[in-house]
């Protein structure tokens, strides 16, 4: 009987130990999870932060590219792309187009020069120097009729505006008309 009592006590102790072990094991498991979870969450947060940082860098880079494009938008157009000024004059576009036209003219690329000069004239209609530039380019291309038409526009500007002063462009236009003997042409 003593053996039985001993067995029964051992069984009770074993059952009690098992019953105590379950909550202890559960606490250990929770503790381990509590230690591991923040580590995993920290890794996930680090990865997310790194991704956000990369995206911010890409946005900043794209913003810089956009700003560069906007600052150069008038410098990177092609001839013939200008739109007429609505009742005014776009001096910036005129200056850029005139400069590019001069470069192309000096390089002997008269067709491109003409396109740039026409853009300049479109940006600032009735500009004496713009008309002379277009006329000179037509003359260089061998189109005397168009050259004379533009030289006449430039030369006659003072009568259109009732201006008492004669610009250098008007003087140049009048000299070109004499040189081309325009009085004999229609």
C-alpha atoms as a PDB file:
ATOM      1  CA  UNK A   1       0.000   0.000   0.000  1.00  0.00           C
ATOM      2  CA  UNK A   2       2.891   2.147   0.673  1.00  0.00           C
ATOM      3  CA  UNK A   3       4.055   1.574  -2.831  1.00  0.00           C
ATOM      4  CA  UNK A   4       0.674   2.634  -4.041  1.00  0.00           C
ATOM      5  CA  UNK A   5       0.680   5.724  -1.897  1.00  0.00           C
ATOM      6  CA  UNK A   6       4.104   6.545  -3.096  1.00  0.00           C
ATOM      7  CA  UNK A   7       2.950   6.058  -6.668  1.00  0.00           C
ATOM      8  CA  UNK A   8      -0.085   8.210  -6.051  1.00  0.00           C
ATOM      9  CA  UNK A   9       2.041  10.986  -4.481  1.00  0.00           C
ATOM     10  CA  UNK A  10       4.444  10.810  -7.366  1.00  0.00           C
ATOM     11  CA  UNK A  11       1.548  11.005  -9.772  1.00  0.00           C
ATOM     12  CA  UNK A  12       0.086  13.987  -7.915  1.00  0.00           C
ATOM     13  CA  UNK A  13       3.443  15.734  -7.887  1.00  0.00           C
ATOM     14  CA  UNK A  14       3.861  14.980 -11.583  1.00  0.00           C
ATOM     15  CA  UNK A  15       0.376  16.296 -12.354  1.00  0.00           C
ATOM     16  CA  UNK A  16       1.003  19.381 -10.205  1.00  0.00           C
ATOM     17  CA  UNK A  17       4.317  19.973 -11.930  1.00  0.00           C
ATOM     18  CA  UNK A  18       2.675  19.622 -15.327  1.00  0.00           C
ATOM     19  CA  UNK A  19      -0.094  21.986 -14.295  1.00  0.00           C
ATOM     20  CA  UNK A  20       2.490  24.494 -13.069  1.00  0.00           C
ATOM     21  CA  UNK A  21       4.679  24.004 -16.107  1.00  0.00           C
ATOM     22  CA  UNK A  22       1.947  24.959 -18.573  1.00  0.00           C
ATOM     23  CA  UNK A  23       1.528  28.512 -17.331  1.00  0.00           C
ATOM     24  CA  UNK A  24       5.281  28.854 -16.922  1.00  0.00           C
ATOM     25  CA  UNK A  25       5.810  27.594 -20.461  1.00  0.00           C
ATOM     26  CA  UNK A  26       3.092  29.933 -21.665  1.00  0.00           C
ATOM     27  CA  UNK A  27       4.785  32.840 -19.889  1.00  0.00           C
ATOM     28  CA  UNK A  28       8.147  31.877 -21.365  1.00  0.00           C
ATOM     29  CA  UNK A  29       6.562  31.653 -24.815  1.00  0.00           C
ATOM     30  CA  UNK A  30       4.922  35.047 -24.381  1.00  0.00           C
ATOM     31  CA  UNK A  31       8.164  36.530 -23.104  1.00  0.00           C
ATOM     32  CA  UNK A  32      10.070  35.118 -26.046  1.00  0.00           C
ATOM     33  CA  UNK A  33       7.451  36.418 -28.445  1.00  0.00           C
ATOM     34  CA  UNK A  34       7.578  39.800 -26.726  1.00  0.00           C
ATOM     35  CA  UNK A  35      11.326  39.872 -27.273  1.00  0.00           C
ATOM     36  CA  UNK A  36      11.196  38.631 -30.883  1.00  0.00           C
ATOM     37  CA  UNK A  37       8.212  40.650 -32.108  1.00  0.00           C
ATOM     38  CA  UNK A  38       9.764  44.076 -31.539  1.00  0.00           C
ATOM     39  CA  UNK A  39      12.887  42.865 -33.304  1.00  0.00           C
ATOM     40  CA  UNK A  40      10.808  41.770 -36.301  1.00  0.00           C
ATOM     41  CA  UNK A  41       8.778  44.948 -36.179  1.00  0.00           C
ATOM     42  CA  UNK A  42      11.965  46.957 -35.918  1.00  0.00           C
ATOM     43  CA  UNK A  43      13.349  45.199 -39.004  1.00  0.00           C
ATOM     44  CA  UNK A  44      10.076  45.862 -40.851  1.00  0.00           C
ATOM     45  CA  UNK A  45      10.108  49.510 -39.788  1.00  0.00           C
ATOM     46  CA  UNK A  46      13.736  49.860 -40.871  1.00  0.00           C
ATOM     47  CA  UNK A  47      12.904  48.373 -44.272  1.00  0.00           C
ATOM     48  CA  UNK A  48       9.894  50.691 -44.641  1.00  0.00           C
ATOM     49  CA  UNK A  49      11.948  53.726 -43.625  1.00  0.00           C
ATOM     50  CA  UNK A  50      14.645  52.796 -46.112  1.00  0.00           C
ATOM     51  CA  UNK A  51      12.028  52.477 -48.870  1.00  0.00           C
ATOM     52  CA  UNK A  52      10.491  55.842 -47.951  1.00  0.00           C
ATOM     53  CA  UNK A  53      13.950  57.437 -48.003  1.00  0.00           C
ATOM     54  CA  UNK A  54      14.677  55.989 -51.462  1.00  0.00           C
ATOM     55  CA  UNK A  55      11.362  57.288 -52.751  1.00  0.00           C
ATOM     56  CA  UNK A  56      12.050  60.730 -51.292  1.00  0.00           C
ATOM     57  CA  UNK A  57      15.440  60.774 -53.020  1.00  0.00           C
ATOM     58  CA  UNK A  58      13.779  59.811 -56.306  1.00  0.00           C
ATOM     59  CA  UNK A  59      11.197  62.564 -55.859  1.00  0.00           C
ATOM     60  CA  UNK A  60      13.917  65.120 -55.120  1.00  0.00           C
ATOM     61  CA  UNK A  61      15.857  63.989 -58.187  1.00  0.00           C
ATOM     62  CA  UNK A  62      12.748  64.235 -60.369  1.00  0.00           C
ATOM     63  CA  UNK A  63      11.967  67.658 -58.916  1.00  0.00           C
ATOM     64  CA  UNK A  64      15.472  68.833 -59.833  1.00  0.00           C
ATOM     65  CA  UNK A  65      15.047  67.452 -63.357  1.00  0.00           C
ATOM     66  CA  UNK A  66      11.686  69.200 -63.663  1.00  0.00           C
ATOM     67  CA  UNK A  67      13.165  72.502 -62.495  1.00  0.00           C
ATOM     68  CA  UNK A  68      16.017  72.136 -64.985  1.00  0.00           C
ATOM     69  CA  UNK A  69      13.560  71.433 -67.792  1.00  0.00           C
ATOM     70  CA  UNK A  70      11.419  74.408 -66.836  1.00  0.00           C
ATOM     71  CA  UNK A  71      14.394  76.745 -66.708  1.00  0.00           C
ATOM     72  CA  UNK A  72      15.545  75.542 -70.129  1.00  0.00           C
ATOM     73  CA  UNK A  73      12.173  75.197 -71.804  1.00  0.00           C
ATOM     74  CA  UNK A  74      12.631  78.277 -73.971  1.00  0.00           C
ATOM     75  CA  UNK A  75      16.199  77.317 -74.838  1.00  0.00           C
ATOM     76  CA  UNK A  76      15.463  73.841 -76.125  1.00  0.00           C
ATOM     77  CA  UNK A  77      12.728  74.480 -78.632  1.00  0.00           C
ATOM     78  CA  UNK A  78      13.033  73.736 -82.319  1.00  0.00           C
ATOM     79  CA  UNK A  79      12.522  76.344 -85.015  1.00  0.00           C
ATOM     80  CA  UNK A  80       8.923  76.818 -86.012  1.00  0.00           C
ATOM     81  CA  UNK A  81       7.611  75.917 -82.567  1.00  0.00           C
ATOM     82  CA  UNK A  82       6.998  79.446 -81.287  1.00  0.00           C
ATOM     83  CA  UNK A  83       3.476  80.693 -80.936  1.00  0.00           C
ATOM     84  CA  UNK A  84       2.521  84.248 -81.773  1.00  0.00           C
ATOM     85  CA  UNK A  85       2.532  86.691 -78.898  1.00  0.00           C
ATOM     86  CA  UNK A  86      -0.983  87.801 -78.014  1.00  0.00           C
ATOM     87  CA  UNK A  87      -0.875  91.566 -78.268  1.00  0.00           C
ATOM     88  CA  UNK A  88       2.615  91.797 -76.874  1.00  0.00           C
ATOM     89  CA  UNK A  89       6.194  90.795 -77.190  1.00  0.00           C
ATOM     90  CA  UNK A  90       8.009  87.902 -75.537  1.00  0.00           C
ATOM     91  CA  UNK A  91      11.481  89.457 -75.341  1.00  0.00           C
ATOM     92  CA  UNK A  92      13.010  86.390 -73.715  1.00  0.00           C
ATOM     93  CA  UNK A  93      11.889  84.060 -76.492  1.00  0.00           C
ATOM     94  CA  UNK A  94      12.834  86.630 -79.107  1.00  0.00           C
ATOM     95  CA  UNK A  95      16.331  86.920 -77.658  1.00  0.00           C
ATOM     96  CA  UNK A  96      16.875  83.170 -77.528  1.00  0.00           C
ATOM     97  CA  UNK A  97      15.538  82.606 -81.052  1.00  0.00           C
ATOM     98  CA  UNK A  98      17.585  85.510 -82.442  1.00  0.00           C
ATOM     99  CA  UNK A  99      20.753  84.187 -80.813  1.00  0.00           C
ATOM    100  CA  UNK A 100      20.166  80.690 -82.170  1.00  0.00           C
ATOM    101  CA  UNK A 101      19.303  82.101 -85.584  1.00  0.00           C
ATOM    102  CA  UNK A 102      22.549  84.074 -85.603  1.00  0.00           C
ATOM    103  CA  UNK A 103      24.517  80.960 -84.699  1.00  0.00           C
ATOM    104  CA  UNK A 104      22.876  78.939 -87.491  1.00  0.00           C
ATOM    105  CA  UNK A 105      23.295  81.824 -89.966  1.00  0.00           C
ATOM    106  CA  UNK A 106      27.010  82.108 -89.115  1.00  0.00           C
ATOM    107  CA  UNK A 107      27.363  78.342 -89.588  1.00  0.00           C
ATOM    108  CA  UNK A 108      25.766  78.624 -93.051  1.00  0.00           C
ATOM    109  CA  UNK A 109      22.654  76.666 -92.053  1.00  0.00           C
ATOM    110  CA  UNK A 110      20.244  79.219 -93.507  1.00  0.00           C
ATOM    111  CA  UNK A 111      17.125  77.050 -93.371  1.00  0.00           C
ATOM    112  CA  UNK A 112      17.428  76.564 -89.614  1.00  0.00           C
ATOM    113  CA  UNK A 113      18.435  80.199 -89.175  1.00  0.00           C
ATOM    114  CA  UNK A 114      15.258  81.212 -90.994  1.00  0.00           C
ATOM    115  CA  UNK A 115      13.163  79.082 -88.655  1.00  0.00           C
ATOM    116  CA  UNK A 116      14.724  80.650 -85.577  1.00  0.00           C
ATOM    117  CA  UNK A 117      14.430  84.179 -86.988  1.00  0.00           C
ATOM    118  CA  UNK A 118      10.778  83.581 -87.869  1.00  0.00           C
ATOM    119  CA  UNK A 119      10.200  82.411 -84.290  1.00  0.00           C
ATOM    120  CA  UNK A 120      11.823  85.598 -83.002  1.00  0.00           C
ATOM    121  CA  UNK A 121       9.599  87.682 -85.253  1.00  0.00           C
ATOM    122  CA  UNK A 122       6.547  85.712 -84.150  1.00  0.00           C
ATOM    123  CA  UNK A 123       7.479  86.333 -80.505  1.00  0.00           C
ATOM    124  CA  UNK A 124       7.724  90.071 -81.181  1.00  0.00           C
ATOM    125  CA  UNK A 125       5.755  90.962 -84.319  1.00  0.00           C
ATOM    126  CA  UNK A 126       6.758  94.093 -86.242  1.00  0.00           C
ATOM    127  CA  UNK A 127      10.237  94.161 -84.726  1.00  0.00           C
ATOM    128  CA  UNK A 128      12.483  95.962 -87.224  1.00  0.00           C
ATOM    129  CA  UNK A 129      15.567  93.882 -86.450  1.00  0.00           C
ATOM    130  CA  UNK A 130      13.543  90.655 -86.607  1.00  0.00           C
ATOM    131  CA  UNK A 131      12.268  91.602 -90.053  1.00  0.00           C
ATOM    132  CA  UNK A 132      15.793  92.436 -91.229  1.00  0.00           C
ATOM    133  CA  UNK A 133      17.090  89.100 -89.912  1.00  0.00           C
ATOM    134  CA  UNK A 134      14.376  87.196 -91.790  1.00  0.00           C
ATOM    135  CA  UNK A 135      15.041  89.274 -94.927  1.00  0.00           C
ATOM    136  CA  UNK A 136      18.820  88.676 -94.777  1.00  0.00           C
ATOM    137  CA  UNK A 137      18.205  84.946 -94.425  1.00  0.00           C
ATOM    138  CA  UNK A 138      15.809  84.857 -97.387  1.00  0.00           C
ATOM    139  CA  UNK A 139      18.447  86.770 -99.344  1.00  0.00           C
ATOM    140  CA  UNK A 140      21.101  84.233 -98.355  1.00  0.00           C
ATOM    141  CA  UNK A 141      18.754  81.453 -99.511  1.00  0.00           C
ATOM    142  CA  UNK A 142      18.375  83.206-102.871  1.00  0.00           C
ATOM    143  CA  UNK A 143      14.730  84.176-102.367  1.00  0.00           C
ATOM    144  CA  UNK A 144      14.962  87.870-103.295  1.00  0.00           C
ATOM    145  CA  UNK A 145      11.216  88.443-103.491  1.00  0.00           C
ATOM    146  CA  UNK A 146      10.655  87.417 -99.848  1.00  0.00           C
ATOM    147  CA  UNK A 147      13.831  89.244 -98.790  1.00  0.00           C
ATOM    148  CA  UNK A 148      12.575  92.449-100.377  1.00  0.00           C
ATOM    149  CA  UNK A 149       9.142  92.048 -98.748  1.00  0.00           C
ATOM    150  CA  UNK A 150      10.705  91.828 -95.283  1.00  0.00           C
ATOM    151  CA  UNK A 151      13.229  94.609 -95.973  1.00  0.00           C
ATOM    152  CA  UNK A 152      10.305  96.826 -97.020  1.00  0.00           C
ATOM    153  CA  UNK A 153       8.404  96.016 -93.816  1.00  0.00           C
ATOM    154  CA  UNK A 154      11.425  96.988 -91.744  1.00  0.00           C
ATOM    155  CA  UNK A 155      12.153 100.127 -93.778  1.00  0.00           C
ATOM    156  CA  UNK A 156       8.543 101.322 -93.656  1.00  0.00           C
ATOM    157  CA  UNK A 157       8.040 100.828 -89.931  1.00  0.00           C
ATOM    158  CA  UNK A 158       8.630 104.498 -89.109  1.00  0.00           C
ATOM    159  CA  UNK A 159       5.708 105.538 -91.315  1.00  0.00           C
ATOM    160  CA  UNK A 160       3.476 102.950 -89.587  1.00  0.00           C
ATOM    161  CA  UNK A 161       4.274 104.169 -86.092  1.00  0.00           C
ATOM    162  CA  UNK A 162       4.802 107.878 -86.916  1.00  0.00           C
ATOM    163  CA  UNK A 163       8.197 107.631 -85.258  1.00  0.00           C
ATOM    164  CA  UNK A 164      10.654 110.450 -85.860  1.00  0.00           C
ATOM    165  CA  UNK A 165      13.690 108.250 -85.223  1.00  0.00           C
ATOM    166  CA  UNK A 166      15.114 105.758 -87.668  1.00  0.00           C
ATOM    167  CA  UNK A 167      16.570 102.581 -86.198  1.00  0.00           C
ATOM    168  CA  UNK A 168      19.739 100.858 -87.345  1.00  0.00           C
ATOM    169  CA  UNK A 169      17.547  98.024 -88.626  1.00  0.00           C
ATOM    170  CA  UNK A 170      15.553 100.470 -90.758  1.00  0.00           C
ATOM    171  CA  UNK A 171      18.774 101.932 -92.166  1.00  0.00           C
ATOM    172  CA  UNK A 172      20.033  98.428 -92.931  1.00  0.00           C
ATOM    173  CA  UNK A 173      16.733  97.549 -94.627  1.00  0.00           C
ATOM    174  CA  UNK A 174      16.819 100.690 -96.799  1.00  0.00           C
ATOM    175  CA  UNK A 175      20.431 100.012 -97.805  1.00  0.00           C
ATOM    176  CA  UNK A 176      19.540  96.410 -98.693  1.00  0.00           C
ATOM    177  CA  UNK A 177      16.601  97.590-100.818  1.00  0.00           C
ATOM    178  CA  UNK A 178      18.931  99.916-102.742  1.00  0.00           C
ATOM    179  CA  UNK A 179      21.496  97.149-103.115  1.00  0.00           C
ATOM    180  CA  UNK A 180      18.862  94.749-104.457  1.00  0.00           C
ATOM    181  CA  UNK A 181      17.446  97.490-106.672  1.00  0.00           C
ATOM    182  CA  UNK A 182      14.043  96.785-105.225  1.00  0.00           C
ATOM    183  CA  UNK A 183      12.480  99.764-106.914  1.00  0.00           C
ATOM    184  CA  UNK A 184      12.348  97.716-110.130  1.00  0.00           C
ATOM    185  CA  UNK A 185      10.670  94.734-108.436  1.00  0.00           C
ATOM    186  CA  UNK A 186       6.997  94.472-107.605  1.00  0.00           C
END
